[in-house]
Amino acid sequence: MKLVPILGIVVAALLVTTPAFAETAPGGGLDRGLIALAAGLGLGIAAFGAAIGQGRATAAAMESIGRNPNSADRVFTPLIVGLALMEALALYALVIAFSLSGRIG
């Protein structure tokens, strides 16, 4: 069952990399398109990773508070700081994606 997703990823990678060997038009049209594709893909992966991290951190904090309700005030501040740092990493990926696509910088 694990072979199907791996084959899907390999086929997708082959389909995406095939245009990289094509001859570019004057002005680098294909290169800009691939950079935009990479920027969007990187941003999606960063957002997915931040969402997974935030979900797991929140679940762990809620489980900790559920086991020991008196620790809620001690768990809350580190949880908020951790969530803010995870969100900051996703925002850094957004800035990098914009800079790669040529919208800033």
N, C-alpha and C. Protein backbone atom coordinates (compact mmCIF):
# COMPACT_ATOMS: atom_id res chain seq x y z
N MET A 1 0.81 -1.19 0.00
CA MET A 1 0.00 0.00 0.00
C MET A 1 0.86 1.26 0.00
N LYS A 2 2.06 1.22 0.55
CA LYS A 2 2.92 2.39 0.57
C LYS A 2 3.56 2.65 -0.78
N LEU A 3 3.49 1.69 -1.67
CA LEU A 3 4.12 1.82 -2.98
C LEU A 3 3.35 2.79 -3.88
N VAL A 4 2.04 2.86 -3.74
CA VAL A 4 1.22 3.71 -4.60
C VAL A 4 1.54 5.20 -4.40
N PRO A 5 1.61 5.72 -3.16
CA PRO A 5 1.97 7.13 -3.01
C PRO A 5 3.39 7.43 -3.50
N ILE A 6 4.30 6.51 -3.30
CA ILE A 6 5.67 6.73 -3.75
C ILE A 6 5.72 6.80 -5.27
N LEU A 7 5.01 5.90 -5.94
CA LEU A 7 4.97 5.94 -7.40
C LEU A 7 4.30 7.22 -7.89
N GLY A 8 3.28 7.67 -7.20
CA GLY A 8 2.63 8.92 -7.57
C GLY A 8 3.57 10.11 -7.47
N ILE A 9 4.38 10.14 -6.42
CA ILE A 9 5.35 11.21 -6.25
C ILE A 9 6.41 11.16 -7.34
N VAL A 10 6.87 9.97 -7.68
CA VAL A 10 7.89 9.83 -8.73
C VAL A 10 7.33 10.29 -10.08
N VAL A 11 6.11 9.89 -10.40
CA VAL A 11 5.51 10.30 -11.67
C VAL A 11 5.31 11.81 -11.70
N ALA A 12 4.85 12.39 -10.60
CA ALA A 12 4.66 13.84 -10.54
C ALA A 12 5.99 14.57 -10.71
N ALA A 13 7.04 14.06 -10.08
CA ALA A 13 8.36 14.68 -10.21
C ALA A 13 8.86 14.60 -11.65
N LEU A 14 8.64 13.48 -12.30
CA LEU A 14 9.06 13.36 -13.70
C LEU A 14 8.28 14.30 -14.61
N LEU A 15 7.00 14.47 -14.35
CA LEU A 15 6.20 15.38 -15.17
C LEU A 15 6.60 16.84 -14.95
N VAL A 16 6.99 17.19 -13.74
CA VAL A 16 7.36 18.56 -13.45
C VAL A 16 8.75 18.87 -13.98
N THR A 17 9.67 17.92 -13.94
CA THR A 17 11.04 18.20 -14.36
C THR A 17 11.23 18.14 -15.86
N THR A 18 10.32 17.56 -16.60
CA THR A 18 10.47 17.47 -18.05
C THR A 18 10.58 18.84 -18.71
N PRO A 19 9.76 19.84 -18.36
CA PRO A 19 9.92 21.15 -19.00
C PRO A 19 11.23 21.84 -18.67
N ALA A 20 11.93 21.41 -17.65
CA ALA A 20 13.18 22.05 -17.29
C ALA A 20 14.24 21.85 -18.37
N PHE A 21 14.11 20.82 -19.19
CA PHE A 21 15.08 20.55 -20.24
C PHE A 21 14.68 21.18 -21.57
N ALA A 22 13.55 21.84 -21.63
CA ALA A 22 13.10 22.46 -22.86
C ALA A 22 13.88 23.75 -23.10
N GLU A 23 13.92 24.17 -24.34
CA GLU A 23 14.61 25.41 -24.69
C GLU A 23 13.77 26.59 -24.22
N THR A 24 14.43 27.56 -23.61
CA THR A 24 13.70 28.70 -23.06
C THR A 24 13.47 29.75 -24.14
N ALA A 25 12.39 30.45 -23.97
CA ALA A 25 12.07 31.55 -24.87
C ALA A 25 12.92 32.76 -24.50
N PRO A 26 13.07 33.71 -25.44
CA PRO A 26 13.81 34.93 -25.07
C PRO A 26 13.12 35.63 -23.90
N GLY A 27 13.89 35.99 -22.93
CA GLY A 27 13.32 36.62 -21.73
C GLY A 27 13.16 35.63 -20.58
N GLY A 28 13.46 34.38 -20.80
CA GLY A 28 13.42 33.39 -19.71
C GLY A 28 12.03 33.08 -19.23
N GLY A 29 11.07 32.89 -20.13
CA GLY A 29 9.69 32.63 -19.74
C GLY A 29 9.53 31.34 -18.96
N LEU A 30 10.19 30.29 -19.39
CA LEU A 30 10.06 29.00 -18.71
C LEU A 30 10.72 29.04 -17.33
N ASP A 31 11.85 29.72 -17.23
CA ASP A 31 12.54 29.80 -15.95
C ASP A 31 11.68 30.52 -14.91
N ARG A 32 11.04 31.61 -15.31
CA ARG A 32 10.18 32.34 -14.38
C ARG A 32 8.99 31.48 -13.97
N GLY A 33 8.48 30.69 -14.90
CA GLY A 33 7.35 29.82 -14.56
C GLY A 33 7.74 28.74 -13.56
N LEU A 34 8.92 28.16 -13.77
CA LEU A 34 9.38 27.12 -12.84
C LEU A 34 9.71 27.71 -11.47
N ILE A 35 10.25 28.93 -11.46
CA ILE A 35 10.52 29.57 -10.17
C ILE A 35 9.21 29.86 -9.44
N ALA A 36 8.21 30.32 -10.18
CA ALA A 36 6.91 30.57 -9.55
C ALA A 36 6.29 29.27 -9.04
N LEU A 37 6.45 28.19 -9.80
CA LEU A 37 5.95 26.89 -9.36
C LEU A 37 6.67 26.43 -8.09
N ALA A 38 7.98 26.61 -8.05
CA ALA A 38 8.75 26.23 -6.87
C ALA A 38 8.36 27.08 -5.66
N ALA A 39 8.14 28.38 -5.89
CA ALA A 39 7.75 29.26 -4.79
C ALA A 39 6.40 28.85 -4.22
N GLY A 40 5.44 28.56 -5.09
CA GLY A 40 4.13 28.13 -4.62
C GLY A 40 4.17 26.80 -3.91
N LEU A 41 4.95 25.86 -4.45
CA LEU A 41 5.07 24.54 -3.82
C LEU A 41 5.76 24.65 -2.47
N GLY A 42 6.81 25.46 -2.39
CA GLY A 42 7.51 25.64 -1.11
C GLY A 42 6.62 26.28 -0.06
N LEU A 43 5.81 27.25 -0.49
CA LEU A 43 4.90 27.90 0.44
C LEU A 43 3.84 26.93 0.95
N GLY A 44 3.34 26.08 0.06
CA GLY A 44 2.35 25.08 0.47
C GLY A 44 2.93 24.09 1.46
N ILE A 45 4.15 23.64 1.22
CA ILE A 45 4.78 22.70 2.14
C ILE A 45 5.04 23.36 3.49
N ALA A 46 5.47 24.62 3.48
CA ALA A 46 5.72 25.33 4.74
C ALA A 46 4.43 25.52 5.53
N ALA A 47 3.35 25.88 4.83
CA ALA A 47 2.08 26.06 5.52
C ALA A 47 1.56 24.75 6.08
N PHE A 48 1.73 23.67 5.31
CA PHE A 48 1.31 22.36 5.79
C PHE A 48 2.10 21.95 7.03
N GLY A 49 3.41 22.16 7.01
CA GLY A 49 4.25 21.82 8.16
C GLY A 49 3.90 22.63 9.39
N ALA A 50 3.64 23.94 9.20
CA ALA A 50 3.27 24.78 10.33
C ALA A 50 1.92 24.36 10.90
N ALA A 51 0.99 24.01 10.03
CA ALA A 51 -0.33 23.58 10.51
C ALA A 51 -0.25 22.27 11.29
N ILE A 52 0.54 21.33 10.79
CA ILE A 52 0.72 20.06 11.51
C ILE A 52 1.38 20.31 12.87
N GLY A 53 2.41 21.15 12.90
CA GLY A 53 3.09 21.46 14.15
C GLY A 53 2.19 22.15 15.16
N GLN A 54 1.40 23.09 14.67
CA GLN A 54 0.49 23.79 15.57
C GLN A 54 -0.59 22.85 16.10
N GLY A 55 -1.08 21.98 15.28
CA GLY A 55 -2.09 21.02 15.73
C GLY A 55 -1.55 20.07 16.77
N ARG A 56 -0.35 19.58 16.53
CA ARG A 56 0.24 18.64 17.50
C ARG A 56 0.57 19.33 18.82
N ALA A 57 1.07 20.56 18.74
CA ALA A 57 1.40 21.29 19.97
C ALA A 57 0.14 21.61 20.78
N THR A 58 -0.90 22.02 20.08
CA THR A 58 -2.15 22.31 20.78
C THR A 58 -2.76 21.05 21.39
N ALA A 59 -2.70 19.95 20.66
CA ALA A 59 -3.23 18.70 21.19
C ALA A 59 -2.46 18.25 22.43
N ALA A 60 -1.14 18.41 22.39
CA ALA A 60 -0.35 18.03 23.56
C ALA A 60 -0.65 18.93 24.75
N ALA A 61 -0.84 20.22 24.49
CA ALA A 61 -1.16 21.14 25.59
C ALA A 61 -2.53 20.82 26.18
N MET A 62 -3.50 20.53 25.32
CA MET A 62 -4.84 20.22 25.83
C MET A 62 -4.84 18.90 26.60
N GLU A 63 -4.05 17.94 26.16
CA GLU A 63 -3.95 16.68 26.89
C GLU A 63 -3.30 16.91 28.25
N SER A 64 -2.27 17.76 28.27
CA SER A 64 -1.60 18.07 29.54
C SER A 64 -2.55 18.76 30.51
N ILE A 65 -3.34 19.71 29.99
CA ILE A 65 -4.30 20.41 30.85
C ILE A 65 -5.40 19.45 31.29
N GLY A 66 -5.79 18.54 30.42
CA GLY A 66 -6.81 17.56 30.79
C GLY A 66 -6.34 16.62 31.89
N ARG A 67 -5.07 16.29 31.88
CA ARG A 67 -4.54 15.40 32.93
C ARG A 67 -4.31 16.13 34.25
N ASN A 68 -3.93 17.41 34.13
CA ASN A 68 -3.67 18.20 35.32
C ASN A 68 -4.23 19.61 35.11
N PRO A 69 -5.48 19.85 35.47
CA PRO A 69 -6.11 21.15 35.21
C PRO A 69 -5.43 22.32 35.93
N ASN A 70 -4.72 22.05 37.01
CA ASN A 70 -4.04 23.12 37.74
C ASN A 70 -2.84 23.67 36.97
N SER A 71 -2.38 22.97 35.93
CA SER A 71 -1.21 23.41 35.18
C SER A 71 -1.58 24.28 33.98
N ALA A 72 -2.84 24.65 33.85
CA ALA A 72 -3.29 25.39 32.67
C ALA A 72 -2.56 26.72 32.53
N ASP A 73 -2.38 27.45 33.62
CA ASP A 73 -1.71 28.75 33.52
C ASP A 73 -0.22 28.62 33.21
N ARG A 74 0.40 27.52 33.61
CA ARG A 74 1.82 27.30 33.30
C ARG A 74 2.03 26.77 31.89
N VAL A 75 1.04 26.15 31.30
CA VAL A 75 1.16 25.60 29.95
C VAL A 75 0.79 26.64 28.90
N PHE A 76 -0.07 27.58 29.26
CA PHE A 76 -0.63 28.51 28.28
C PHE A 76 0.44 29.40 27.63
N THR A 77 1.31 30.02 28.42
CA THR A 77 2.31 30.95 27.88
C THR A 77 3.30 30.26 26.95
N PRO A 78 3.91 29.14 27.33
CA PRO A 78 4.81 28.47 26.38
C PRO A 78 4.08 28.00 25.12
N LEU A 79 2.81 27.62 25.24
CA LEU A 79 2.04 27.20 24.08
C LEU A 79 1.88 28.37 23.10
N ILE A 80 1.52 29.53 23.60
CA ILE A 80 1.32 30.69 22.73
C ILE A 80 2.64 31.10 22.08
N VAL A 81 3.73 31.08 22.83
CA VAL A 81 5.04 31.43 22.26
C VAL A 81 5.42 30.43 21.17
N GLY A 82 5.22 29.16 21.43
CA GLY A 82 5.53 28.13 20.42
C GLY A 82 4.69 28.27 19.17
N LEU A 83 3.41 28.55 19.34
CA LEU A 83 2.53 28.75 18.18
C LEU A 83 2.95 29.97 17.38
N ALA A 84 3.35 31.03 18.06
CA ALA A 84 3.80 32.24 17.35
C ALA A 84 5.08 31.97 16.56
N LEU A 85 6.00 31.19 17.13
CA LEU A 85 7.23 30.87 16.41
C LEU A 85 6.95 29.99 15.19
N MET A 86 6.01 29.05 15.32
CA MET A 86 5.66 28.21 14.17
C MET A 86 5.03 29.04 13.06
N GLU A 87 4.19 29.99 13.45
CA GLU A 87 3.56 30.86 12.45
C GLU A 87 4.59 31.76 11.80
N ALA A 88 5.59 32.19 12.56
CA ALA A 88 6.65 33.02 12.00
C ALA A 88 7.43 32.27 10.93
N LEU A 89 7.65 30.98 11.12
CA LEU A 89 8.35 30.20 10.10
C LEU A 89 7.54 30.14 8.81
N ALA A 90 6.24 30.01 8.91
CA ALA A 90 5.39 30.02 7.71
C ALA A 90 5.44 31.39 7.04
N LEU A 91 5.48 32.46 7.81
CA LEU A 91 5.57 33.80 7.22
C LEU A 91 6.92 34.02 6.55
N TYR A 92 7.98 33.47 7.10
CA TYR A 92 9.29 33.55 6.44
C TYR A 92 9.24 32.84 5.09
N ALA A 93 8.56 31.71 5.02
CA ALA A 93 8.41 31.01 3.75
C ALA A 93 7.62 31.86 2.75
N LEU A 94 6.62 32.61 3.23
CA LEU A 94 5.86 33.50 2.36
C LEU A 94 6.75 34.60 1.80
N VAL A 95 7.59 35.18 2.62
CA VAL A 95 8.50 36.23 2.16
C VAL A 95 9.48 35.67 1.13
N ILE A 96 10.00 34.48 1.38
CA ILE A 96 10.93 33.85 0.43
C ILE A 96 10.23 33.54 -0.88
N ALA A 97 8.99 33.06 -0.82
CA ALA A 97 8.24 32.76 -2.04
C ALA A 97 7.99 34.03 -2.84
N PHE A 98 7.64 35.13 -2.17
CA PHE A 98 7.44 36.39 -2.88
C PHE A 98 8.74 36.88 -3.50
N SER A 99 9.83 36.71 -2.77
CA SER A 99 11.11 37.17 -3.30
C SER A 99 11.55 36.33 -4.49
N LEU A 100 11.26 35.04 -4.47
CA LEU A 100 11.60 34.18 -5.61
C LEU A 100 10.76 34.53 -6.84
N SER A 101 9.51 34.85 -6.64
CA SER A 101 8.64 35.15 -7.77
C SER A 101 8.86 36.57 -8.30
N GLY A 102 9.70 37.36 -7.64
CA GLY A 102 10.06 38.68 -8.14
C GLY A 102 9.10 39.78 -7.75
N ARG A 103 8.24 39.56 -6.80
CA ARG A 103 7.28 40.61 -6.42
C ARG A 103 7.87 41.60 -5.44
N ILE A 104 8.87 41.17 -4.67
CA ILE A 104 9.55 42.11 -3.77
C ILE A 104 11.04 41.95 -3.98
N GLY A 105 11.79 42.87 -3.49
CA GLY A 105 13.24 42.78 -3.54
C GLY A 105 13.75 43.13 -4.85
